[in-house]
PDB file of N, CA and C in Angstrom:
ATOM      1  N   MET A   1     -24.998  55.299 -55.154  1.00  0.00           N
ATOM      2  CA  MET A   1     -25.482  55.353 -53.430  1.00  0.00           C
ATOM      3  C   MET A   1     -23.656  54.919 -52.877  1.00  0.00           C
ATOM      4  N   SER A   2     -23.647  55.297 -51.752  1.00  0.00           N
ATOM      5  CA  SER A   2     -22.563  55.374 -51.687  1.00  0.00           C
ATOM      6  C   SER A   2     -22.445  54.098 -50.966  1.00  0.00           C
ATOM      7  N   ASN A   3     -21.090  53.439 -50.509  1.00  0.00           N
ATOM      8  CA  ASN A   3     -21.004  52.229 -49.667  1.00  0.00           C
ATOM      9  C   ASN A   3     -21.229  52.010 -48.606  1.00  0.00           C
ATOM     10  N   PHE A   4     -21.304  53.299 -47.644  1.00  0.00           N
ATOM     11  CA  PHE A   4     -21.897  53.533 -46.121  1.00  0.00           C
ATOM     12  C   PHE A   4     -23.356  53.728 -46.230  1.00  0.00           C
ATOM     13  N   LYS A   5     -24.130  54.007 -47.102  1.00  0.00           N
ATOM     14  CA  LYS A   5     -25.781  53.956 -47.366  1.00  0.00           C
ATOM     15  C   LYS A   5     -26.057  52.846 -47.394  1.00  0.00           C
ATOM     16  N   GLU A   6     -25.291  51.948 -48.085  1.00  0.00           N
ATOM     17  CA  GLU A   6     -25.503  50.751 -48.510  1.00  0.00           C
ATOM     18  C   GLU A   6     -25.890  49.550 -47.376  1.00  0.00           C
ATOM     19  N   HIS A   7     -24.819  50.208 -46.400  1.00  0.00           N
ATOM     20  CA  HIS A   7     -24.800  49.281 -45.240  1.00  0.00           C
ATOM     21  C   HIS A   7     -25.327  49.955 -44.474  1.00  0.00           C
ATOM     22  N   VAL A   8     -25.645  50.983 -44.514  1.00  0.00           N
ATOM     23  CA  VAL A   8     -27.090  51.406 -43.528  1.00  0.00           C
ATOM     24  C   VAL A   8     -28.136  50.839 -43.991  1.00  0.00           C
ATOM     25  N   ARG A   9     -28.551  50.472 -45.007  1.00  0.00           N
ATOM     26  CA  ARG A   9     -29.930  50.346 -45.766  1.00  0.00           C
ATOM     27  C   ARG A   9     -29.947  48.441 -45.005  1.00  0.00           C
ATOM     28  N   GLY A  10     -28.863  47.505 -45.417  1.00  0.00           N
ATOM     29  CA  GLY A  10     -28.442  46.505 -45.449  1.00  0.00           C
ATOM     30  C   GLY A  10     -29.037  46.559 -43.552  1.00  0.00           C
ATOM     31  N   ALA A  11     -28.048  47.201 -42.755  1.00  0.00           N
ATOM     32  CA  ALA A  11     -28.440  46.824 -41.215  1.00  0.00           C
ATOM     33  C   ALA A  11     -29.737  46.916 -40.867  1.00  0.00           C
ATOM     34  N   ILE A  12     -30.501  48.272 -41.335  1.00  0.00           N
ATOM     35  CA  ILE A  12     -31.796  48.331 -41.362  1.00  0.00           C
ATOM     36  C   ILE A  12     -33.358  46.904 -41.761  1.00  0.00           C
ATOM     37  N   ALA A  13     -32.480  46.566 -42.802  1.00  0.00           N
ATOM     38  CA  ALA A  13     -33.131  45.432 -43.622  1.00  0.00           C
ATOM     39  C   ALA A  13     -33.712  44.167 -42.316  1.00  0.00           C
ATOM     40  N   SER A  14     -32.010  44.227 -41.831  1.00  0.00           N
ATOM     41  CA  SER A  14     -31.391  42.291 -41.111  1.00  0.00           C
ATOM     42  C   SER A  14     -32.040  43.097 -39.524  1.00  0.00           C
ATOM     43  N   ASN A  15     -32.239  44.480 -39.418  1.00  0.00           N
ATOM     44  CA  ASN A  15     -33.209  44.278 -37.933  1.00  0.00           C
ATOM     45  C   ASN A  15     -34.816  43.990 -38.321  1.00  0.00           C
ATOM     46  N   VAL A  16     -35.352  44.550 -39.296  1.00  0.00           N
ATOM     47  CA  VAL A  16     -36.898  44.471 -39.711  1.00  0.00           C
ATOM     48  C   VAL A  16     -37.213  43.260 -39.924  1.00  0.00           C
ATOM     49  N   ILE A  17     -36.214  42.496 -40.329  1.00  0.00           N
ATOM     50  CA  ILE A  17     -36.179  41.250 -40.435  1.00  0.00           C
ATOM     51  C   ILE A  17     -36.088  40.263 -39.529  1.00  0.00           C
ATOM     52  N   ALA A  18     -34.734  40.731 -38.550  1.00  0.00           N
ATOM     53  CA  ALA A  18     -35.011  39.743 -37.735  1.00  0.00           C
ATOM     54  C   ALA A  18     -36.339  40.029 -36.260  1.00  0.00           C
ATOM     55  N   ASN A  19     -36.904  41.390 -36.063  1.00  0.00           N
ATOM     56  CA  ASN A  19     -38.016  41.687 -35.818  1.00  0.00           C
ATOM     57  C   ASN A  19     -39.208  40.699 -36.418  1.00  0.00           C
ATOM     58  N   TYR A  20     -39.572  40.773 -37.549  1.00  0.00           N
ATOM     59  CA  TYR A  20     -40.264  40.194 -37.859  1.00  0.00           C
ATOM     60  C   TYR A  20     -40.104  38.577 -37.493  1.00  0.00           C
ATOM     61  N   LEU A  21     -39.233  38.058 -38.156  1.00  0.00           N
ATOM     62  CA  LEU A  21     -39.215  36.592 -37.428  1.00  0.00           C
ATOM     63  C   LEU A  21     -39.423  36.655 -35.697  1.00  0.00           C
ATOM     64  N   MET A  22     -38.908  37.910 -34.666  1.00  0.00           N
ATOM     65  CA  MET A  22     -39.032  37.759 -33.459  1.00  0.00           C
ATOM     66  C   MET A  22     -40.976  37.232 -33.085  1.00  0.00           C
ATOM     67  N   SER A  23     -41.487  38.227 -33.932  1.00  0.00           N
ATOM     68  CA  SER A  23     -43.052  38.086 -33.735  1.00  0.00           C
ATOM     69  C   SER A  23     -43.633  37.102 -34.326  1.00  0.00           C
ATOM     70  N   LYS A  24     -42.769  36.321 -35.488  1.00  0.00           N
ATOM     71  CA  LYS A  24     -43.439  35.004 -35.670  1.00  0.00           C
ATOM     72  C   LYS A  24     -43.069  33.736 -34.773  1.00  0.00           C
ATOM     73  N   GLY A  25     -42.327  33.880 -33.573  1.00  0.00           N
ATOM     74  CA  GLY A  25     -42.027  32.694 -32.748  1.00  0.00           C
ATOM     75  C   GLY A  25     -40.762  32.186 -32.880  1.00  0.00           C
ATOM     76  N   TYR A  26     -39.962  33.233 -33.492  1.00  0.00           N
ATOM     77  CA  TYR A  26     -38.588  32.947 -33.877  1.00  0.00           C
ATOM     78  C   TYR A  26     -37.556  32.969 -32.612  1.00  0.00           C
ATOM     79  N   GLU A  27     -36.640  32.710 -32.167  1.00  0.00           N
ATOM     80  CA  GLU A  27     -35.628  32.950 -31.671  1.00  0.00           C
ATOM     81  C   GLU A  27     -34.589  33.297 -32.967  1.00  0.00           C
ATOM     82  N   VAL A  28     -34.137  34.040 -32.671  1.00  0.00           N
ATOM     83  CA  VAL A  28     -33.359  35.054 -33.459  1.00  0.00           C
ATOM     84  C   VAL A  28     -31.655  35.132 -32.729  1.00  0.00           C
ATOM     85  N   ILE A  29     -30.886  34.682 -34.083  1.00  0.00           N
ATOM     86  CA  ILE A  29     -29.097  35.164 -33.857  1.00  0.00           C
ATOM     87  C   ILE A  29     -28.678  35.745 -34.642  1.00  0.00           C
ATOM     88  N   LYS A  30     -28.407  36.852 -34.187  1.00  0.00           N
ATOM     89  CA  LYS A  30     -27.842  37.529 -35.758  1.00  0.00           C
ATOM     90  C   LYS A  30     -26.474  37.300 -35.736  1.00  0.00           C
ATOM     91  N   GLU A  31     -25.736  37.463 -36.641  1.00  0.00           N
ATOM     92  CA  GLU A  31     -23.986  37.374 -36.663  1.00  0.00           C
ATOM     93  C   GLU A  31     -23.454  38.724 -36.097  1.00  0.00           C
ATOM     94  N   GLY A  32     -22.027  38.547 -36.032  1.00  0.00           N
ATOM     95  CA  GLY A  32     -21.725  39.944 -35.623  1.00  0.00           C
ATOM     96  C   GLY A  32     -21.261  41.344 -36.925  1.00  0.00           C
ATOM     97  N   THR A  33     -20.867  40.437 -38.151  1.00  0.00           N
ATOM     98  CA  THR A  33     -20.876  41.242 -38.675  1.00  0.00           C
ATOM     99  C   THR A  33     -20.808  41.487 -40.348  1.00  0.00           C
ATOM    100  N   SER A  34     -20.145  42.675 -41.188  1.00  0.00           N
ATOM    101  CA  SER A  34     -21.748  42.421 -42.342  1.00  0.00           C
ATOM    102  C   SER A  34     -21.378  41.981 -43.550  1.00  0.00           C
ATOM    103  N   GLN A  35     -20.473  40.820 -43.615  1.00  0.00           N
ATOM    104  CA  GLN A  35     -20.010  40.572 -44.572  1.00  0.00           C
ATOM    105  C   GLN A  35     -19.701  38.650 -44.244  1.00  0.00           C
ATOM    106  N   GLY A  36     -20.575  38.006 -43.251  1.00  0.00           N
ATOM    107  CA  GLY A  36     -21.059  36.979 -43.147  1.00  0.00           C
ATOM    108  C   GLY A  36     -21.580  36.337 -44.093  1.00  0.00           C
ATOM    109  N   LEU A  37     -21.028  34.581 -44.327  1.00  0.00           N
ATOM    110  CA  LEU A  37     -22.463  33.639 -45.091  1.00  0.00           C
ATOM    111  C   LEU A  37     -23.537  34.002 -44.853  1.00  0.00           C
ATOM    112  N   VAL A  38     -24.302  33.779 -43.002  1.00  0.00           N
ATOM    113  CA  VAL A  38     -25.322  34.038 -42.852  1.00  0.00           C
ATOM    114  C   VAL A  38     -25.281  35.242 -41.693  1.00  0.00           C
ATOM    115  N   ASP A  39     -26.674  35.661 -42.089  1.00  0.00           N
ATOM    116  CA  ASP A  39     -26.975  37.039 -41.766  1.00  0.00           C
ATOM    117  C   ASP A  39     -27.748  36.604 -40.026  1.00  0.00           C
ATOM    118  N   ILE A  40     -28.641  35.856 -40.005  1.00  0.00           N
ATOM    119  CA  ILE A  40     -29.427  35.299 -39.124  1.00  0.00           C
ATOM    120  C   ILE A  40     -29.832  33.983 -38.772  1.00  0.00           C
ATOM    121  N   VAL A  41     -29.463  33.580 -37.487  1.00  0.00           N
ATOM    122  CA  VAL A  41     -30.184  32.016 -37.496  1.00  0.00           C
ATOM    123  C   VAL A  41     -31.345  32.036 -36.830  1.00  0.00           C
ATOM    124  N   ALA A  42     -32.586  32.117 -37.541  1.00  0.00           N
ATOM    125  CA  ALA A  42     -33.473  31.648 -37.015  1.00  0.00           C
ATOM    126  C   ALA A  42     -34.266  30.556 -36.519  1.00  0.00           C
ATOM    127  N   ILE A  43     -34.419  30.109 -35.189  1.00  0.00           N
ATOM    128  CA  ILE A  43     -35.037  28.608 -34.535  1.00  0.00           C
ATOM    129  C   ILE A  43     -36.271  29.041 -34.295  1.00  0.00           C
ATOM    130  N   ASN A  44     -37.490  28.144 -34.663  1.00  0.00           N
ATOM    131  CA  ASN A  44     -38.708  28.086 -34.297  1.00  0.00           C
ATOM    132  C   ASN A  44     -39.014  27.408 -32.807  1.00  0.00           C
ATOM    133  N   THR A  45     -39.378  28.082 -32.079  1.00  0.00           N
ATOM    134  CA  THR A  45     -39.045  27.778 -30.646  1.00  0.00           C
ATOM    135  C   THR A  45     -40.578  26.728 -30.177  1.00  0.00           C
ATOM    136  N   LYS A  46     -41.247  26.682 -31.080  1.00  0.00           N
ATOM    137  CA  LYS A  46     -41.833  25.367 -30.954  1.00  0.00           C
ATOM    138  C   LYS A  46     -41.856  24.087 -31.828  1.00  0.00           C
ATOM    139  N   THR A  47     -41.053  24.223 -32.580  1.00  0.00           N
ATOM    140  CA  THR A  47     -40.897  22.946 -33.654  1.00  0.00           C
ATOM    141  C   THR A  47     -39.083  22.506 -33.921  1.00  0.00           C
ATOM    142  N   GLY A  48     -38.776  23.813 -33.412  1.00  0.00           N
ATOM    143  CA  GLY A  48     -37.107  23.505 -33.408  1.00  0.00           C
ATOM    144  C   GLY A  48     -36.107  23.500 -34.451  1.00  0.00           C
ATOM    145  N   LYS A  49     -37.685  23.905 -35.922  1.00  0.00           N
ATOM    146  CA  LYS A  49     -37.192  23.893 -37.480  1.00  0.00           C
ATOM    147  C   LYS A  49     -36.232  25.456 -37.213  1.00  0.00           C
ATOM    148  N   THR A  50     -35.011  24.951 -38.193  1.00  0.00           N
ATOM    149  CA  THR A  50     -34.273  26.096 -38.236  1.00  0.00           C
ATOM    150  C   THR A  50     -33.443  26.367 -39.526  1.00  0.00           C
ATOM    151  N   TYR A  51     -33.585  27.518 -39.454  1.00  0.00           N
ATOM    152  CA  TYR A  51     -33.172  28.377 -40.810  1.00  0.00           C
ATOM    153  C   TYR A  51     -31.781  29.312 -40.860  1.00  0.00           C
ATOM    154  N   PHE A  52     -30.855  29.006 -41.920  1.00  0.00           N
ATOM    155  CA  PHE A  52     -30.055  30.092 -41.725  1.00  0.00           C
ATOM    156  C   PHE A  52     -30.579  31.237 -42.733  1.00  0.00           C
ATOM    157  N   VAL A  53     -30.563  32.434 -42.330  1.00  0.00           N
ATOM    158  CA  VAL A  53     -31.116  33.311 -43.023  1.00  0.00           C
ATOM    159  C   VAL A  53     -30.368  34.507 -43.530  1.00  0.00           C
ATOM    160  N   ASP A  54     -30.075  35.035 -44.591  1.00  0.00           N
ATOM    161  CA  ASP A  54     -29.615  35.610 -45.607  1.00  0.00           C
ATOM    162  C   ASP A  54     -30.340  36.719 -45.789  1.00  0.00           C
ATOM    163  N   CYS A  55     -30.127  37.943 -45.075  1.00  0.00           N
ATOM    164  CA  CYS A  55     -31.419  39.066 -45.524  1.00  0.00           C
ATOM    165  C   CYS A  55     -30.693  40.270 -46.807  1.00  0.00           C
ATOM    166  N   LYS A  56     -31.889  40.633 -47.551  1.00  0.00           N
ATOM    167  CA  LYS A  56     -31.501  41.549 -48.748  1.00  0.00           C
ATOM    168  C   LYS A  56     -32.995  42.600 -48.212  1.00  0.00           C
ATOM    169  N   CYS A  57     -32.752  44.061 -48.755  1.00  0.00           N
ATOM    170  CA  CYS A  57     -33.300  45.333 -49.150  1.00  0.00           C
ATOM    171  C   CYS A  57     -34.371  44.870 -50.545  1.00  0.00           C
ATOM    172  N   LEU A  58     -35.462  45.066 -50.080  1.00  0.00           N
ATOM    173  CA  LEU A  58     -35.917  45.015 -51.089  1.00  0.00           C
ATOM    174  C   LEU A  58     -35.832  46.032 -52.011  1.00  0.00           C
ATOM    175  N   SER A  59     -35.290  45.528 -53.494  1.00  0.00           N
ATOM    176  CA  SER A  59     -34.849  46.763 -54.753  1.00  0.00           C
ATOM    177  C   SER A  59     -35.914  46.572 -56.061  1.00  0.00           C
ATOM    178  N   ARG A  60     -35.854  47.324 -56.279  1.00  0.00           N
ATOM    179  CA  ARG A  60     -36.718  47.416 -57.494  1.00  0.00           C
ATOM    180  C   ARG A  60     -36.215  48.063 -59.019  1.00  0.00           C
ATOM    181  N   ARG A  61     -36.888  47.249 -60.130  1.00  0.00           N
ATOM    182  CA  ARG A  61     -35.439  47.755 -61.374  1.00  0.00           C
ATOM    183  C   ARG A  61     -36.246  49.510 -61.801  1.00  0.00           C
ATOM    184  N   ALA A  62     -36.020  50.650 -62.804  1.00  0.00           N
ATOM    185  CA  ALA A  62     -37.167  51.600 -62.729  1.00  0.00           C
ATOM    186  C   ALA A  62     -38.433  51.318 -63.479  1.00  0.00           C
ATOM    187  N   ASN A  63     -38.692  50.064 -63.715  1.00  0.00           N
ATOM    188  CA  ASN A  63     -39.555  50.069 -64.565  1.00  0.00           C
ATOM    189  C   ASN A  63     -40.741  49.471 -63.289  1.00  0.00           C
ATOM    190  N   GLY A  64     -40.338  49.257 -62.094  1.00  0.00           N
ATOM    191  CA  GLY A  64     -40.871  48.859 -61.045  1.00  0.00           C
ATOM    192  C   GLY A  64     -41.041  47.318 -61.079  1.00  0.00           C
ATOM    193  N   THR A  65     -40.422  46.363 -61.617  1.00  0.00           N
ATOM    194  CA  THR A  65     -39.934  44.871 -61.635  1.00  0.00           C
ATOM    195  C   THR A  65     -39.225  44.610 -59.562  1.00  0.00           C
ATOM    196  N   ARG A  66     -39.453  43.897 -59.517  1.00  0.00           N
ATOM    197  CA  ARG A  66     -38.022  43.404 -58.310  1.00  0.00           C
ATOM    198  C   ARG A  66     -37.535  42.856 -58.798  1.00  0.00           C
ATOM    199  N   VAL A  67     -36.204  42.500 -58.427  1.00  0.00           N
ATOM    200  CA  VAL A  67     -34.968  42.313 -58.691  1.00  0.00           C
ATOM    201  C   VAL A  67     -34.765  41.037 -57.182  1.00  0.00           C
ATOM    202  N   ASN A  68     -34.607  39.993 -57.750  1.00  0.00           N
ATOM    203  CA  ASN A  68     -34.510  38.787 -57.380  1.00  0.00           C
ATOM    204  C   ASN A  68     -33.151  38.604 -56.944  1.00  0.00           C
ATOM    205  N   ARG A  69     -32.712  38.086 -56.278  1.00  0.00           N
ATOM    206  CA  ARG A  69     -31.487  37.710 -55.505  1.00  0.00           C
ATOM    207  C   ARG A  69     -31.263  36.077 -55.030  1.00  0.00           C
ATOM    208  N   VAL A  70     -30.253  35.524 -55.467  1.00  0.00           N
ATOM    209  CA  VAL A  70     -30.072  34.055 -55.777  1.00  0.00           C
ATOM    210  C   VAL A  70     -28.810  33.848 -54.522  1.00  0.00           C
ATOM    211  N   LEU A  71     -28.710  32.738 -53.664  1.00  0.00           N
ATOM    212  CA  LEU A  71     -27.800  32.319 -53.022  1.00  0.00           C
ATOM    213  C   LEU A  71     -26.772  32.161 -53.793  1.00  0.00           C
ATOM    214  N   LYS A  72     -25.472  32.293 -52.776  1.00  0.00           N
ATOM    215  CA  LYS A  72     -24.288  32.113 -53.410  1.00  0.00           C
ATOM    216  C   LYS A  72     -23.777  30.575 -52.892  1.00  0.00           C
ATOM    217  N   GLN A  73     -22.971  30.504 -53.907  1.00  0.00           N
ATOM    218  CA  GLN A  73     -22.500  28.738 -54.138  1.00  0.00           C
ATOM    219  C   GLN A  73     -22.002  28.662 -52.884  1.00  0.00           C
ATOM    220  N   ALA A  74     -21.398  29.217 -51.915  1.00  0.00           N
ATOM    221  CA  ALA A  74     -20.821  29.071 -50.242  1.00  0.00           C
ATOM    222  C   ALA A  74     -22.267  28.745 -49.608  1.00  0.00           C
ATOM    223  N   GLN A  75     -23.609  29.647 -49.622  1.00  0.00           N
ATOM    224  CA  GLN A  75     -24.560  29.281 -48.884  1.00  0.00           C
ATOM    225  C   GLN A  75     -25.036  27.832 -49.089  1.00  0.00           C
ATOM    226  N   LYS A  76     -24.993  27.763 -50.307  1.00  0.00           N
ATOM    227  CA  LYS A  76     -25.653  26.646 -50.854  1.00  0.00           C
ATOM    228  C   LYS A  76     -24.944  25.515 -50.330  1.00  0.00           C
ATOM    229  N   ASP A  77     -23.570  25.642 -50.479  1.00  0.00           N
ATOM    230  CA  ASP A  77     -22.546  24.450 -49.784  1.00  0.00           C
ATOM    231  C   ASP A  77     -23.148  24.431 -48.125  1.00  0.00           C
ATOM    232  N   LEU A  78     -22.479  25.330 -47.370  1.00  0.00           N
ATOM    233  CA  LEU A  78     -23.264  25.257 -46.261  1.00  0.00           C
ATOM    234  C   LEU A  78     -24.302  24.539 -45.222  1.00  0.00           C
ATOM    235  N   SER A  79     -25.633  24.807 -46.452  1.00  0.00           N
ATOM    236  CA  SER A  79     -26.817  24.509 -46.368  1.00  0.00           C
ATOM    237  C   SER A  79     -26.836  23.045 -46.738  1.00  0.00           C
ATOM    238  N   SER A  80     -26.293  22.543 -47.701  1.00  0.00           N
ATOM    239  CA  SER A  80     -25.899  21.032 -47.593  1.00  0.00           C
ATOM    240  C   SER A  80     -24.640  19.909 -46.788  1.00  0.00           C
ATOM    241  N   ALA A  81     -23.785  20.692 -46.398  1.00  0.00           N
ATOM    242  CA  ALA A  81     -23.048  20.233 -45.342  1.00  0.00           C
ATOM    243  C   ALA A  81     -24.065  20.381 -43.694  1.00  0.00           C
ATOM    244  N   SER A  82     -24.474  21.482 -43.514  1.00  0.00           N
ATOM    245  CA  SER A  82     -24.863  21.150 -42.347  1.00  0.00           C
ATOM    246  C   SER A  82     -26.473  20.489 -41.637  1.00  0.00           C
ATOM    247  N   GLY A  83     -27.292  20.101 -43.734  1.00  0.00           N
ATOM    248  CA  GLY A  83     -28.489  20.262 -43.342  1.00  0.00           C
ATOM    249  C   GLY A  83     -29.414  21.265 -42.909  1.00  0.00           C
ATOM    250  N   ILE A  84     -29.138  22.704 -42.755  1.00  0.00           N
ATOM    251  CA  ILE A  84     -30.197  23.455 -42.316  1.00  0.00           C
ATOM    252  C   ILE A  84     -30.593  24.154 -43.523  1.00  0.00           C
ATOM    253  N   ASP A  85     -31.674  24.169 -44.141  1.00  0.00           N
ATOM    254  CA  ASP A  85     -32.096  25.123 -44.828  1.00  0.00           C
ATOM    255  C   ASP A  85     -31.671  26.905 -44.863  1.00  0.00           C
ATOM    256  N   PHE A  86     -31.022  26.904 -45.952  1.00  0.00           N
ATOM    257  CA  PHE A  86     -31.227  28.702 -46.449  1.00  0.00           C
ATOM    258  C   PHE A  86     -32.258  29.312 -47.108  1.00  0.00           C
ATOM    259  N   ILE A  87     -32.413  30.679 -46.363  1.00  0.00           N
ATOM    260  CA  ILE A  87     -33.969  31.180 -46.776  1.00  0.00           C
ATOM    261  C   ILE A  87     -33.340  32.642 -47.183  1.00  0.00           C
ATOM    262  N   LEU A  88     -33.142  33.368 -48.397  1.00  0.00           N
ATOM    263  CA  LEU A  88     -33.440  34.400 -48.557  1.00  0.00           C
ATOM    264  C   LEU A  88     -34.921  35.385 -48.195  1.00  0.00           C
ATOM    265  N   ALA A  89     -34.455  36.340 -46.822  1.00  0.00           N
ATOM    266  CA  ALA A  89     -35.806  37.179 -46.823  1.00  0.00           C
ATOM    267  C   ALA A  89     -35.441  39.156 -47.531  1.00  0.00           C
ATOM    268  N   TYR A  90     -36.577  39.362 -47.482  1.00  0.00           N
ATOM    269  CA  TYR A  90     -36.101  40.546 -48.222  1.00  0.00           C
ATOM    270  C   TYR A  90     -36.832  41.626 -47.079  1.00  0.00           C
ATOM    271  N   ALA A  91     -36.729  43.108 -47.389  1.00  0.00           N
ATOM    272  CA  ALA A  91     -37.369  43.662 -46.130  1.00  0.00           C
ATOM    273  C   ALA A  91     -37.417  44.846 -47.313  1.00  0.00           C
ATOM    274  N   ASP A  92     -38.766  45.773 -46.867  1.00  0.00           N
ATOM    275  CA  ASP A  92     -38.169  46.959 -47.537  1.00  0.00           C
ATOM    276  C   ASP A  92     -38.394  47.888 -46.633  1.00  0.00           C
ATOM    277  N   THR A  93     -36.940  48.738 -46.492  1.00  0.00           N
ATOM    278  CA  THR A  93     -36.778  49.589 -45.879  1.00  0.00           C
ATOM    279  C   THR A  93     -37.568  50.694 -46.019  1.00  0.00           C
ATOM    280  N   ASP A  94     -38.655  50.989 -46.778  1.00  0.00           N
ATOM    281  CA  ASP A  94     -39.301  52.101 -47.069  1.00  0.00           C
ATOM    282  C   ASP A  94     -40.670  52.232 -45.900  1.00  0.00           C
ATOM    283  N   THR A  95     -40.936  50.651 -46.161  1.00  0.00           N
ATOM    284  CA  THR A  95     -42.061  50.402 -45.556  1.00  0.00           C
ATOM    285  C   THR A  95     -42.583  49.368 -44.132  1.00  0.00           C
ATOM    286  N   ASN A  96     -40.995  49.222 -43.990  1.00  0.00           N
ATOM    287  CA  ASN A  96     -40.788  47.853 -43.274  1.00  0.00           C
ATOM    288  C   ASN A  96     -41.578  46.542 -43.110  1.00  0.00           C
ATOM    289  N   GLU A  97     -41.933  46.701 -44.818  1.00  0.00           N
ATOM    290  CA  GLU A  97     -43.079  44.924 -45.434  1.00  0.00           C
ATOM    291  C   GLU A  97     -41.325  44.037 -44.890  1.00  0.00           C
ATOM    292  N   VAL A  98     -42.138  42.633 -45.005  1.00  0.00           N
ATOM    293  CA  VAL A  98     -41.498  41.746 -44.788  1.00  0.00           C
ATOM    294  C   VAL A  98     -41.792  40.874 -46.041  1.00  0.00           C
ATOM    295  N   GLU A  99     -40.801  39.992 -46.712  1.00  0.00           N
ATOM    296  CA  GLU A  99     -41.151  38.360 -48.046  1.00  0.00           C
ATOM    297  C   GLU A  99     -40.600  37.490 -47.475  1.00  0.00           C
ATOM    298  N   ILE A 100     -41.017  36.795 -46.813  1.00  0.00           N
ATOM    299  CA  ILE A 100     -39.679  35.800 -46.421  1.00  0.00           C
ATOM    300  C   ILE A 100     -40.366  34.342 -47.554  1.00  0.00           C
ATOM    301  N   PRO A 101     -40.312  34.343 -49.227  1.00  0.00           N
ATOM    302  CA  PRO A 101     -40.776  32.994 -49.880  1.00  0.00           C
ATOM    303  C   PRO A 101     -40.803  31.536 -48.946  1.00  0.00           C
ATOM    304  N   LYS A 102     -39.864  31.050 -48.573  1.00  0.00           N
ATOM    305  CA  LYS A 102     -39.792  29.661 -48.409  1.00  0.00           C
ATOM    306  C   LYS A 102     -39.579  29.718 -46.835  1.00  0.00           C
ATOM    307  N   LEU A 103     -40.239  30.853 -45.973  1.00  0.00           N
ATOM    308  CA  LEU A 103     -40.539  30.119 -44.213  1.00  0.00           C
ATOM    309  C   LEU A 103     -41.789  29.524 -44.245  1.00  0.00           C
ATOM    310  N   THR A 104     -41.409  28.234 -43.333  1.00  0.00           N
ATOM    311  CA  THR A 104     -42.489  27.229 -43.287  1.00  0.00           C
ATOM    312  C   THR A 104     -43.300  27.526 -41.683  1.00  0.00           C
TER     313      THR A 104
END
């Protein structure tokens, strides 16, 4: 897959996740570049709970098992320094389904 296609899929995944978060009552602030540590800042408008979100396209191996991602060390460091939880959010760009395992 070309680098361009990967960036397009990433942008679609980010938009799908942002729409999902907004539908759940979160205020969404998206970053302006494709290479930042934080893709989205999500703020629950009722509780004030804030998350840094790293958006990922849901990927599967040839045998159908899911490819799990991990946070970068710099993301972990930012979370520790700021006290704001960092979460991974997955979007299936074919079905527009979203999975955010640690969202409360």
